[in-house]
Amino acid sequence: MNRAVLAAFLVAIVAGLALAGCGQDPSSSPTVPTASGAGLVLRRAPDDLGCDAIGVDYRSVTFQIDPTADEHVFAITDRGALLRTFWGSGFEAGTADDPVVRDATGTIVVGDGDVMSVPEGAYPDLHGHFVCLAPDALYILDEAEPG
């Protein structure tokens, strides 16, 4: 085998090992619940949130709930931008079998594929919950108006 072929072979092996996570213990990496019935995870909104919609140019968002994604609950704008979602402490995510987000009363506020309109010059209301808009995120709060 000539040196060029051997070098290409070795590069392919090293690249394959790197992509496969060579030597990594799978139990040490963060896990995402994917099994049927496993609980979904929500990002929590900060307690000291200041809401400013500067730079927001979208008119609607579609919520996606995907138990196999790194972010279980996210939104996509009508312009194709991906938004992370942050939820107040009263919200609870469902499971892979029940892909929803409920508020503290148990009311479903978001299901996979639900669309939320963004009113002109105002903040949206999501089933009685204030939504703070940002160019790269949505913050859904427990209360109807920030207080």
C-alpha atoms as a PDB file:
ATOM      1  CA  MET A   1       0.000   0.000   0.000  1.00  0.00           C
ATOM      2  CA  ASN A   2       1.538   3.352  -0.949  1.00  0.00           C
ATOM      3  CA  ARG A   3       1.875   6.208   1.525  1.00  0.00           C
ATOM      4  CA  ALA A   4      -0.915   8.357   0.040  1.00  0.00           C
ATOM      5  CA  VAL A   5      -3.438   5.542   0.300  1.00  0.00           C
ATOM      6  CA  LEU A   6      -2.289   4.682   3.833  1.00  0.00           C
ATOM      7  CA  ALA A   7      -2.516   8.342   4.892  1.00  0.00           C
ATOM      8  CA  ALA A   8      -6.050   8.671   3.448  1.00  0.00           C
ATOM      9  CA  PHE A   9      -7.056   5.430   5.201  1.00  0.00           C
ATOM     10  CA  LEU A  10      -5.735   6.668   8.557  1.00  0.00           C
ATOM     11  CA  VAL A  11      -7.443  10.058   8.152  1.00  0.00           C
ATOM     12  CA  ALA A  12     -10.748   8.287   7.439  1.00  0.00           C
ATOM     13  CA  ILE A  13     -10.374   6.123  10.563  1.00  0.00           C
ATOM     14  CA  VAL A  14      -9.520   9.089  12.794  1.00  0.00           C
ATOM     15  CA  ALA A  15     -12.420  11.125  11.387  1.00  0.00           C
ATOM     16  CA  GLY A  16     -14.802   8.215  11.934  1.00  0.00           C
ATOM     17  CA  LEU A  17     -13.661   7.783  15.513  1.00  0.00           C
ATOM     18  CA  ALA A  18     -14.019  11.494  16.207  1.00  0.00           C
ATOM     19  CA  LEU A  19     -17.551  11.526  14.828  1.00  0.00           C
ATOM     20  CA  ALA A  20     -18.451   8.473  16.876  1.00  0.00           C
ATOM     21  CA  GLY A  21     -17.285  10.130  20.110  1.00  0.00           C
ATOM     22  CA  CYS A  22     -14.228   7.948  20.525  1.00  0.00           C
ATOM     23  CA  GLY A  23     -13.627   7.017  24.149  1.00  0.00           C
ATOM     24  CA  GLN A  24     -16.644   8.913  25.444  1.00  0.00           C
ATOM     25  CA  ASP A  25     -18.785   7.248  28.058  1.00  0.00           C
ATOM     26  CA  PRO A  26     -22.371   7.774  26.816  1.00  0.00           C
ATOM     27  CA  SER A  27     -23.640   7.959  30.395  1.00  0.00           C
ATOM     28  CA  SER A  28     -21.461  11.009  31.044  1.00  0.00           C
ATOM     29  CA  SER A  29     -22.971  13.153  28.292  1.00  0.00           C
ATOM     30  CA  PRO A  30     -26.207  15.091  28.814  1.00  0.00           C
ATOM     31  CA  THR A  31     -29.222  13.026  27.925  1.00  0.00           C
ATOM     32  CA  VAL A  32     -32.379  14.079  26.200  1.00  0.00           C
ATOM     33  CA  PRO A  33     -35.483  12.086  27.103  1.00  0.00           C
ATOM     34  CA  THR A  34     -36.533  10.260  23.956  1.00  0.00           C
ATOM     35  CA  ALA A  35     -38.252   7.117  25.165  1.00  0.00           C
ATOM     36  CA  SER A  36     -41.994   6.860  24.884  1.00  0.00           C
ATOM     37  CA  GLY A  37     -43.541   8.379  28.005  1.00  0.00           C
ATOM     38  CA  ALA A  38     -40.335  10.194  29.046  1.00  0.00           C
ATOM     39  CA  GLY A  39     -40.798  13.701  30.444  1.00  0.00           C
ATOM     40  CA  LEU A  40     -40.011  16.668  28.241  1.00  0.00           C
ATOM     41  CA  VAL A  41     -37.806  19.489  29.510  1.00  0.00           C
ATOM     42  CA  LEU A  42     -38.597  23.221  29.508  1.00  0.00           C
ATOM     43  CA  ARG A  43     -36.098  26.071  29.780  1.00  0.00           C
ATOM     44  CA  ARG A  44     -37.064  28.368  32.663  1.00  0.00           C
ATOM     45  CA  ALA A  45     -37.497  32.112  32.223  1.00  0.00           C
ATOM     46  CA  PRO A  46     -35.352  34.290  34.483  1.00  0.00           C
ATOM     47  CA  ASP A  47     -37.111  35.941  37.421  1.00  0.00           C
ATOM     48  CA  ASP A  48     -35.703  39.382  36.576  1.00  0.00           C
ATOM     49  CA  LEU A  49     -36.708  39.456  32.918  1.00  0.00           C
ATOM     50  CA  GLY A  50     -36.829  42.831  31.198  1.00  0.00           C
ATOM     51  CA  CYS A  51     -38.959  42.689  28.075  1.00  0.00           C
ATOM     52  CA  ASP A  52     -37.883  44.630  24.979  1.00  0.00           C
ATOM     53  CA  ALA A  53     -38.979  43.563  21.492  1.00  0.00           C
ATOM     54  CA  ILE A  54     -36.302  45.516  19.597  1.00  0.00           C
ATOM     55  CA  GLY A  55     -35.273  43.631  16.477  1.00  0.00           C
ATOM     56  CA  VAL A  56     -38.403  41.479  16.261  1.00  0.00           C
ATOM     57  CA  ASP A  57     -39.607  41.290  12.671  1.00  0.00           C
ATOM     58  CA  TYR A  58     -41.840  38.216  12.684  1.00  0.00           C
ATOM     59  CA  ARG A  59     -45.668  38.180  12.668  1.00  0.00           C
ATOM     60  CA  SER A  60     -46.284  34.618  13.845  1.00  0.00           C
ATOM     61  CA  VAL A  61     -44.522  31.621  15.354  1.00  0.00           C
ATOM     62  CA  THR A  62     -45.199  27.904  15.165  1.00  0.00           C
ATOM     63  CA  PHE A  63     -44.418  25.909  18.286  1.00  0.00           C
ATOM     64  CA  GLN A  64     -42.600  22.632  17.828  1.00  0.00           C
ATOM     65  CA  ILE A  65     -42.404  19.942  20.507  1.00  0.00           C
ATOM     66  CA  ASP A  66     -39.839  17.300  19.639  1.00  0.00           C
ATOM     67  CA  PRO A  67     -38.642  14.858  22.310  1.00  0.00           C
ATOM     68  CA  THR A  68     -35.681  13.868  20.098  1.00  0.00           C
ATOM     69  CA  ALA A  69     -34.351  17.427  19.647  1.00  0.00           C
ATOM     70  CA  ASP A  70     -31.765  19.117  21.868  1.00  0.00           C
ATOM     71  CA  GLU A  71     -34.447  21.694  22.689  1.00  0.00           C
ATOM     72  CA  HIS A  72     -37.688  19.851  23.356  1.00  0.00           C
ATOM     73  CA  VAL A  73     -39.909  22.927  22.949  1.00  0.00           C
ATOM     74  CA  PHE A  74     -38.984  25.636  20.472  1.00  0.00           C
ATOM     75  CA  ALA A  75     -40.652  27.924  17.943  1.00  0.00           C
ATOM     76  CA  ILE A  76     -40.078  28.811  14.307  1.00  0.00           C
ATOM     77  CA  THR A  77     -41.000  32.264  13.024  1.00  0.00           C
ATOM     78  CA  ASP A  78     -42.889  32.960   9.828  1.00  0.00           C
ATOM     79  CA  ARG A  79     -39.507  34.125   8.491  1.00  0.00           C
ATOM     80  CA  GLY A  80     -37.869  30.775   9.255  1.00  0.00           C
ATOM     81  CA  ALA A  81     -35.853  31.792  12.340  1.00  0.00           C
ATOM     82  CA  LEU A  82     -35.530  29.314  15.202  1.00  0.00           C
ATOM     83  CA  LEU A  83     -36.513  30.670  18.635  1.00  0.00           C
ATOM     84  CA  ARG A  84     -35.665  29.144  21.995  1.00  0.00           C
ATOM     85  CA  THR A  85     -38.549  29.187  24.444  1.00  0.00           C
ATOM     86  CA  PHE A  86     -38.306  30.057  28.128  1.00  0.00           C
ATOM     87  CA  TRP A  87     -41.204  29.312  30.461  1.00  0.00           C
ATOM     88  CA  GLY A  88     -42.352  30.673  33.823  1.00  0.00           C
ATOM     89  CA  SER A  89     -42.093  28.390  36.837  1.00  0.00           C
ATOM     90  CA  GLY A  90     -45.778  27.408  36.705  1.00  0.00           C
ATOM     91  CA  PHE A  91     -45.530  25.655  33.342  1.00  0.00           C
ATOM     92  CA  GLU A  92     -45.012  21.919  32.995  1.00  0.00           C
ATOM     93  CA  ALA A  93     -44.107  19.955  29.888  1.00  0.00           C
ATOM     94  CA  GLY A  94     -45.875  16.776  28.927  1.00  0.00           C
ATOM     95  CA  THR A  95     -44.200  13.615  27.708  1.00  0.00           C
ATOM     96  CA  ALA A  96     -43.159  12.146  24.372  1.00  0.00           C
ATOM     97  CA  ASP A  97     -46.618  10.535  24.269  1.00  0.00           C
ATOM     98  CA  ASP A  98     -48.324  13.806  25.304  1.00  0.00           C
ATOM     99  CA  PRO A  99     -46.335  16.607  23.570  1.00  0.00           C
ATOM    100  CA  VAL A 100     -47.886  19.678  25.212  1.00  0.00           C
ATOM    101  CA  VAL A 101     -47.103  22.434  27.700  1.00  0.00           C
ATOM    102  CA  ARG A 102     -49.601  23.085  30.516  1.00  0.00           C
ATOM    103  CA  ASP A 103     -49.920  26.049  32.840  1.00  0.00           C
ATOM    104  CA  ALA A 104     -50.289  25.836  36.622  1.00  0.00           C
ATOM    105  CA  THR A 105     -54.034  25.140  36.289  1.00  0.00           C
ATOM    106  CA  GLY A 106     -53.395  22.172  33.999  1.00  0.00           C
ATOM    107  CA  THR A 107     -54.695  23.989  30.915  1.00  0.00           C
ATOM    108  CA  ILE A 108     -52.850  23.146  27.706  1.00  0.00           C
ATOM    109  CA  VAL A 109     -51.269  26.359  26.400  1.00  0.00           C
ATOM    110  CA  VAL A 110     -49.164  24.863  23.592  1.00  0.00           C
ATOM    111  CA  GLY A 111     -49.263  21.718  21.526  1.00  0.00           C
ATOM    112  CA  ASP A 112     -46.947  20.624  18.741  1.00  0.00           C
ATOM    113  CA  GLY A 113     -47.705  22.687  15.630  1.00  0.00           C
ATOM    114  CA  ASP A 114     -49.736  25.394  17.384  1.00  0.00           C
ATOM    115  CA  VAL A 115     -49.412  28.844  15.803  1.00  0.00           C
ATOM    116  CA  MET A 116     -49.302  32.109  17.763  1.00  0.00           C
ATOM    117  CA  SER A 117     -49.895  35.420  15.983  1.00  0.00           C
ATOM    118  CA  VAL A 118     -47.801  38.432  16.921  1.00  0.00           C
ATOM    119  CA  PRO A 119     -49.988  41.560  16.910  1.00  0.00           C
ATOM    120  CA  GLU A 120     -48.709  44.758  15.355  1.00  0.00           C
ATOM    121  CA  GLY A 121     -47.227  47.034  18.038  1.00  0.00           C
ATOM    122  CA  ALA A 122     -48.228  44.795  20.961  1.00  0.00           C
ATOM    123  CA  TYR A 123     -47.118  41.719  22.839  1.00  0.00           C
ATOM    124  CA  PRO A 124     -49.000  38.474  22.252  1.00  0.00           C
ATOM    125  CA  ASP A 125     -51.125  36.740  24.814  1.00  0.00           C
ATOM    126  CA  LEU A 126     -50.879  32.939  24.919  1.00  0.00           C
ATOM    127  CA  HIS A 127     -54.045  31.629  26.559  1.00  0.00           C
ATOM    128  CA  GLY A 128     -53.888  34.331  29.249  1.00  0.00           C
ATOM    129  CA  HIS A 129     -50.091  34.350  29.617  1.00  0.00           C
ATOM    130  CA  PHE A 130     -47.879  37.288  28.648  1.00  0.00           C
ATOM    131  CA  VAL A 131     -45.300  36.516  25.942  1.00  0.00           C
ATOM    132  CA  CYS A 132     -42.127  38.579  25.809  1.00  0.00           C
ATOM    133  CA  LEU A 133     -40.656  38.634  22.299  1.00  0.00           C
ATOM    134  CA  ALA A 134     -36.989  38.665  21.359  1.00  0.00           C
ATOM    135  CA  PRO A 135     -35.228  38.173  18.013  1.00  0.00           C
ATOM    136  CA  ASP A 136     -33.953  34.734  19.098  1.00  0.00           C
ATOM    137  CA  ALA A 137     -36.305  33.675  21.922  1.00  0.00           C
ATOM    138  CA  LEU A 138     -39.780  33.736  23.429  1.00  0.00           C
ATOM    139  CA  TYR A 139     -40.401  34.161  27.159  1.00  0.00           C
ATOM    140  CA  ILE A 140     -43.796  32.887  28.254  1.00  0.00           C
ATOM    141  CA  LEU A 141     -44.658  34.144  31.737  1.00  0.00           C
ATOM    142  CA  ASP A 142     -47.059  32.808  34.325  1.00  0.00           C
ATOM    143  CA  GLU A 143     -48.990  36.066  34.630  1.00  0.00           C
ATOM    144  CA  ALA A 144     -51.105  37.853  32.033  1.00  0.00           C
ATOM    145  CA  GLU A 145     -49.098  41.090  32.309  1.00  0.00           C
ATOM    146  CA  PRO A 146     -45.579  41.523  33.659  1.00  0.00           C
ATOM    147  CA  GLY A 147     -45.873  42.918  37.075  1.00  0.00           C
END
